[in-house]
């Protein structure tokens, strides 16, 4: 039970860190650091044979990778909207 709580806490911290990297920094690659590391870790775990490559074991990794890559995409969209809102404010002040 403690392992599950620790796992959710670590995932929450990673999601918050990724959100900050995606929405606050200009370069889109910063937000992709965590999803790329998770994907590399997933590939390493299955390629090294630490966990057998079965559907039962693969499903949680697919879900986690999908969530993190999806969060990266939505974070970049939010960054673009914030930038556009900033540009619109600047244009409104110029008029």
N, C-alpha and C. Protein backbone atom coordinates (compact mmCIF):
# COMPACT_ATOMS: atom_id res chain seq x y z
N UNK A 1 0.82 -1.20 0.00
CA UNK A 1 0.00 0.00 0.00
C UNK A 1 0.87 1.26 0.00
N UNK A 2 1.94 1.22 0.79
CA UNK A 2 2.85 2.36 0.84
C UNK A 2 3.51 2.56 -0.52
N UNK A 3 3.84 1.46 -1.20
CA UNK A 3 4.46 1.57 -2.53
C UNK A 3 3.54 2.28 -3.51
N UNK A 4 2.26 2.00 -3.42
CA UNK A 4 1.29 2.64 -4.30
C UNK A 4 1.21 4.14 -4.02
N UNK A 5 1.19 4.51 -2.76
CA UNK A 5 1.13 5.92 -2.39
C UNK A 5 2.40 6.65 -2.85
N UNK A 6 3.54 6.02 -2.66
CA UNK A 6 4.80 6.62 -3.10
C UNK A 6 4.81 6.76 -4.62
N UNK A 7 4.31 5.76 -5.32
CA UNK A 7 4.25 5.82 -6.78
C UNK A 7 3.38 6.96 -7.27
N UNK A 8 2.21 7.15 -6.64
CA UNK A 8 1.34 8.25 -7.03
C UNK A 8 1.97 9.60 -6.69
N UNK A 9 2.68 9.68 -5.57
CA UNK A 9 3.35 10.92 -5.20
C UNK A 9 4.44 11.28 -6.21
N UNK A 10 5.23 10.30 -6.60
CA UNK A 10 6.29 10.53 -7.60
C UNK A 10 5.67 10.93 -8.93
N UNK A 11 4.61 10.26 -9.34
CA UNK A 11 3.94 10.60 -10.60
C UNK A 11 3.38 12.03 -10.54
N UNK A 12 2.82 12.40 -9.41
CA UNK A 12 2.30 13.76 -9.25
C UNK A 12 3.38 14.81 -9.37
N UNK A 13 4.52 14.56 -8.74
CA UNK A 13 5.64 15.49 -8.84
C UNK A 13 6.14 15.58 -10.28
N UNK A 14 6.22 14.44 -10.96
CA UNK A 14 6.66 14.45 -12.36
C UNK A 14 5.68 15.21 -13.25
N UNK A 15 4.37 15.04 -13.01
CA UNK A 15 3.37 15.76 -13.79
C UNK A 15 3.48 17.26 -13.55
N UNK A 16 3.66 17.67 -12.29
CA UNK A 16 3.78 19.10 -12.00
C UNK A 16 5.04 19.68 -12.64
N UNK A 17 6.14 18.95 -12.57
CA UNK A 17 7.39 19.40 -13.17
C UNK A 17 7.25 19.53 -14.68
N UNK A 18 6.62 18.54 -15.29
CA UNK A 18 6.42 18.59 -16.74
C UNK A 18 5.52 19.75 -17.13
N UNK A 19 4.48 20.01 -16.34
CA UNK A 19 3.57 21.12 -16.61
C UNK A 19 4.34 22.45 -16.60
N UNK A 20 5.20 22.61 -15.60
CA UNK A 20 5.98 23.84 -15.51
C UNK A 20 6.94 23.95 -16.69
N UNK A 21 7.59 22.85 -17.04
CA UNK A 21 8.52 22.87 -18.17
C UNK A 21 7.80 23.17 -19.48
N UNK A 22 6.59 22.67 -19.64
CA UNK A 22 5.84 22.86 -20.89
C UNK A 22 5.28 24.26 -21.03
N UNK A 23 4.79 24.82 -19.94
CA UNK A 23 4.06 26.08 -20.04
C UNK A 23 4.90 27.32 -19.76
N UNK A 24 6.01 27.18 -19.10
CA UNK A 24 6.78 28.37 -18.71
C UNK A 24 8.02 28.61 -19.56
N UNK A 25 8.56 27.59 -20.17
CA UNK A 25 9.80 27.75 -20.93
C UNK A 25 9.52 27.86 -22.42
N UNK A 26 10.35 28.64 -23.10
CA UNK A 26 10.12 28.93 -24.51
C UNK A 26 10.37 27.74 -25.42
N UNK A 27 11.44 27.01 -25.17
CA UNK A 27 11.81 25.89 -26.03
C UNK A 27 10.91 24.68 -25.75
N UNK A 28 10.25 24.13 -26.77
CA UNK A 28 9.34 23.00 -26.54
C UNK A 28 10.04 21.72 -26.12
N UNK A 29 11.34 21.62 -26.34
CA UNK A 29 12.05 20.40 -25.98
C UNK A 29 12.17 20.22 -24.47
N UNK A 30 12.14 21.31 -23.70
CA UNK A 30 12.23 21.18 -22.25
C UNK A 30 11.07 20.36 -21.70
N UNK A 31 9.89 20.56 -22.24
CA UNK A 31 8.73 19.80 -21.77
C UNK A 31 8.77 18.34 -22.17
N UNK A 32 9.59 18.01 -23.15
CA UNK A 32 9.69 16.63 -23.61
C UNK A 32 10.73 15.81 -22.89
N UNK A 33 11.47 16.42 -21.98
CA UNK A 33 12.53 15.69 -21.28
C UNK A 33 11.96 14.52 -20.48
N UNK A 34 10.96 14.78 -19.68
CA UNK A 34 10.40 13.72 -18.82
C UNK A 34 9.73 12.63 -19.65
N UNK A 35 8.87 12.96 -20.64
CA UNK A 35 8.29 11.87 -21.45
C UNK A 35 9.32 11.04 -22.20
N UNK A 36 10.37 11.68 -22.70
CA UNK A 36 11.41 10.95 -23.42
C UNK A 36 12.14 10.00 -22.47
N UNK A 37 12.48 10.48 -21.26
CA UNK A 37 13.14 9.61 -20.28
C UNK A 37 12.24 8.44 -19.87
N UNK A 38 10.96 8.68 -19.74
CA UNK A 38 10.03 7.60 -19.39
C UNK A 38 9.96 6.59 -20.53
N UNK A 39 9.92 7.06 -21.77
CA UNK A 39 9.91 6.15 -22.92
C UNK A 39 11.20 5.35 -23.00
N UNK A 40 12.34 6.00 -22.80
CA UNK A 40 13.62 5.29 -22.82
C UNK A 40 13.67 4.26 -21.69
N UNK A 41 13.18 4.64 -20.51
CA UNK A 41 13.14 3.70 -19.39
C UNK A 41 12.25 2.50 -19.68
N UNK A 42 11.11 2.75 -20.31
CA UNK A 42 10.20 1.67 -20.67
C UNK A 42 10.86 0.71 -21.66
N UNK A 43 11.51 1.27 -22.66
CA UNK A 43 12.19 0.42 -23.64
C UNK A 43 13.30 -0.38 -22.97
N UNK A 44 14.06 0.25 -22.09
CA UNK A 44 15.14 -0.44 -21.40
C UNK A 44 14.61 -1.58 -20.53
N UNK A 45 13.53 -1.33 -19.81
CA UNK A 45 12.97 -2.36 -18.92
C UNK A 45 12.54 -3.59 -19.71
N UNK A 46 11.88 -3.38 -20.84
CA UNK A 46 11.42 -4.53 -21.63
C UNK A 46 12.55 -5.16 -22.43
N UNK A 47 13.50 -4.36 -22.93
CA UNK A 47 14.60 -4.92 -23.71
C UNK A 47 15.57 -5.71 -22.85
N UNK A 48 15.75 -5.30 -21.60
CA UNK A 48 16.68 -6.01 -20.72
C UNK A 48 16.06 -7.27 -20.12
N UNK A 49 14.76 -7.41 -20.23
CA UNK A 49 14.08 -8.59 -19.71
C UNK A 49 13.77 -8.51 -18.22
N UNK A 50 13.87 -7.32 -17.63
CA UNK A 50 13.55 -7.17 -16.21
C UNK A 50 12.07 -7.47 -15.95
N UNK A 51 11.24 -7.13 -16.92
CA UNK A 51 9.81 -7.43 -16.86
C UNK A 51 9.46 -8.15 -18.16
N UNK A 52 8.73 -9.27 -18.08
CA UNK A 52 8.37 -9.99 -19.31
C UNK A 52 7.48 -9.14 -20.22
N UNK A 53 7.68 -9.27 -21.50
CA UNK A 53 6.94 -8.50 -22.50
C UNK A 53 5.60 -9.19 -22.78
N UNK A 54 4.62 -8.93 -21.93
CA UNK A 54 3.27 -9.46 -22.11
C UNK A 54 2.28 -8.30 -22.13
N UNK A 55 1.08 -8.56 -22.60
CA UNK A 55 0.06 -7.52 -22.65
C UNK A 55 -0.26 -6.99 -21.26
N UNK A 56 -0.31 -7.89 -20.30
CA UNK A 56 -0.60 -7.50 -18.91
C UNK A 56 0.44 -6.53 -18.37
N UNK A 57 1.70 -6.74 -18.70
CA UNK A 57 2.77 -5.87 -18.22
C UNK A 57 2.95 -4.63 -19.09
N UNK A 58 2.61 -4.73 -20.36
CA UNK A 58 2.80 -3.62 -21.29
C UNK A 58 1.77 -2.52 -21.09
N UNK A 59 0.54 -2.87 -20.73
CA UNK A 59 -0.55 -1.91 -20.65
C UNK A 59 -0.25 -0.72 -19.72
N UNK A 60 0.22 -0.93 -18.48
CA UNK A 60 0.51 0.23 -17.62
C UNK A 60 1.57 1.17 -18.21
N UNK A 61 2.56 0.60 -18.88
CA UNK A 61 3.60 1.44 -19.48
C UNK A 61 3.05 2.25 -20.64
N UNK A 62 2.16 1.66 -21.42
CA UNK A 62 1.53 2.39 -22.53
C UNK A 62 0.68 3.53 -21.98
N UNK A 63 -0.06 3.27 -20.92
CA UNK A 63 -0.89 4.31 -20.32
C UNK A 63 -0.03 5.46 -19.81
N UNK A 64 1.03 5.15 -19.09
CA UNK A 64 1.90 6.19 -18.53
C UNK A 64 2.54 7.01 -19.65
N UNK A 65 3.05 6.34 -20.67
CA UNK A 65 3.67 7.07 -21.79
C UNK A 65 2.65 7.94 -22.51
N UNK A 66 1.45 7.44 -22.71
CA UNK A 66 0.41 8.22 -23.36
C UNK A 66 0.04 9.45 -22.54
N UNK A 67 -0.10 9.28 -21.24
CA UNK A 67 -0.42 10.41 -20.37
C UNK A 67 0.66 11.49 -20.42
N UNK A 68 1.90 11.09 -20.33
CA UNK A 68 2.98 12.08 -20.30
C UNK A 68 3.17 12.77 -21.65
N UNK A 69 3.08 12.02 -22.75
CA UNK A 69 3.20 12.66 -24.06
C UNK A 69 1.99 13.54 -24.35
N UNK A 70 0.80 13.12 -23.90
CA UNK A 70 -0.39 13.95 -24.06
C UNK A 70 -0.30 15.23 -23.25
N UNK A 71 0.24 15.12 -22.04
CA UNK A 71 0.42 16.30 -21.19
C UNK A 71 1.42 17.26 -21.81
N UNK A 72 2.43 16.73 -22.46
CA UNK A 72 3.41 17.57 -23.15
C UNK A 72 2.71 18.37 -24.26
N UNK A 73 1.87 17.71 -25.03
CA UNK A 73 1.16 18.39 -26.12
C UNK A 73 0.20 19.45 -25.61
N UNK A 74 -0.57 19.14 -24.59
CA UNK A 74 -1.51 20.13 -24.06
C UNK A 74 -0.78 21.28 -23.38
N UNK A 75 0.34 21.00 -22.77
CA UNK A 75 1.14 22.06 -22.16
C UNK A 75 1.67 23.03 -23.20
N UNK A 76 2.10 22.50 -24.34
CA UNK A 76 2.59 23.38 -25.41
C UNK A 76 1.45 24.21 -25.99
N UNK A 77 0.26 23.61 -26.11
CA UNK A 77 -0.89 24.38 -26.59
C UNK A 77 -1.22 25.52 -25.64
N UNK A 78 -1.15 25.24 -24.35
CA UNK A 78 -1.43 26.28 -23.35
C UNK A 78 -0.37 27.37 -23.43
N UNK A 79 0.88 27.00 -23.63
CA UNK A 79 1.95 27.99 -23.76
C UNK A 79 1.68 28.91 -24.95
N UNK A 80 1.27 28.32 -26.07
CA UNK A 80 0.99 29.13 -27.26
C UNK A 80 -0.18 30.08 -27.01
N UNK A 81 -1.21 29.61 -26.30
CA UNK A 81 -2.35 30.48 -25.99
C UNK A 81 -1.93 31.62 -25.07
N UNK A 82 -1.08 31.33 -24.09
CA UNK A 82 -0.60 32.37 -23.20
C UNK A 82 0.24 33.40 -23.97
N UNK A 83 1.06 32.94 -24.88
CA UNK A 83 1.87 33.84 -25.69
C UNK A 83 0.97 34.72 -26.56
N UNK A 84 -0.06 34.12 -27.17
CA UNK A 84 -0.96 34.89 -28.02
C UNK A 84 -1.73 35.92 -27.19
N UNK A 85 -2.14 35.56 -25.99
CA UNK A 85 -2.83 36.51 -25.12
C UNK A 85 -1.91 37.67 -24.75
N UNK A 86 -0.65 37.38 -24.51
CA UNK A 86 0.33 38.43 -24.21
C UNK A 86 0.51 39.36 -25.40
N UNK A 87 0.58 38.81 -26.60
CA UNK A 87 0.71 39.62 -27.81
C UNK A 87 -0.53 40.49 -28.00
N UNK A 88 -1.70 39.93 -27.76
CA UNK A 88 -2.94 40.70 -27.90
C UNK A 88 -2.98 41.85 -26.89
N UNK A 89 -2.50 41.62 -25.67
CA UNK A 89 -2.45 42.70 -24.67
C UNK A 89 -1.51 43.80 -25.13
N UNK A 90 -0.38 43.42 -25.68
CA UNK A 90 0.59 44.42 -26.15
C UNK A 90 0.03 45.21 -27.32
N UNK A 91 -0.69 44.55 -28.22
CA UNK A 91 -1.30 45.25 -29.35
C UNK A 91 -2.39 46.20 -28.87
N UNK A 92 -3.15 45.80 -27.86
CA UNK A 92 -4.21 46.65 -27.32
C UNK A 92 -3.62 47.90 -26.67
N UNK A 93 -2.48 47.77 -26.02
CA UNK A 93 -1.84 48.93 -25.39
C UNK A 93 -1.25 49.87 -26.44
N UNK A 94 -0.83 49.34 -27.57
CA UNK A 94 -0.25 50.17 -28.63
C UNK A 94 -1.30 51.04 -29.30
N UNK A 95 -2.54 50.61 -29.32
CA UNK A 95 -3.59 51.37 -30.00
C UNK A 95 -4.04 52.46 -29.13
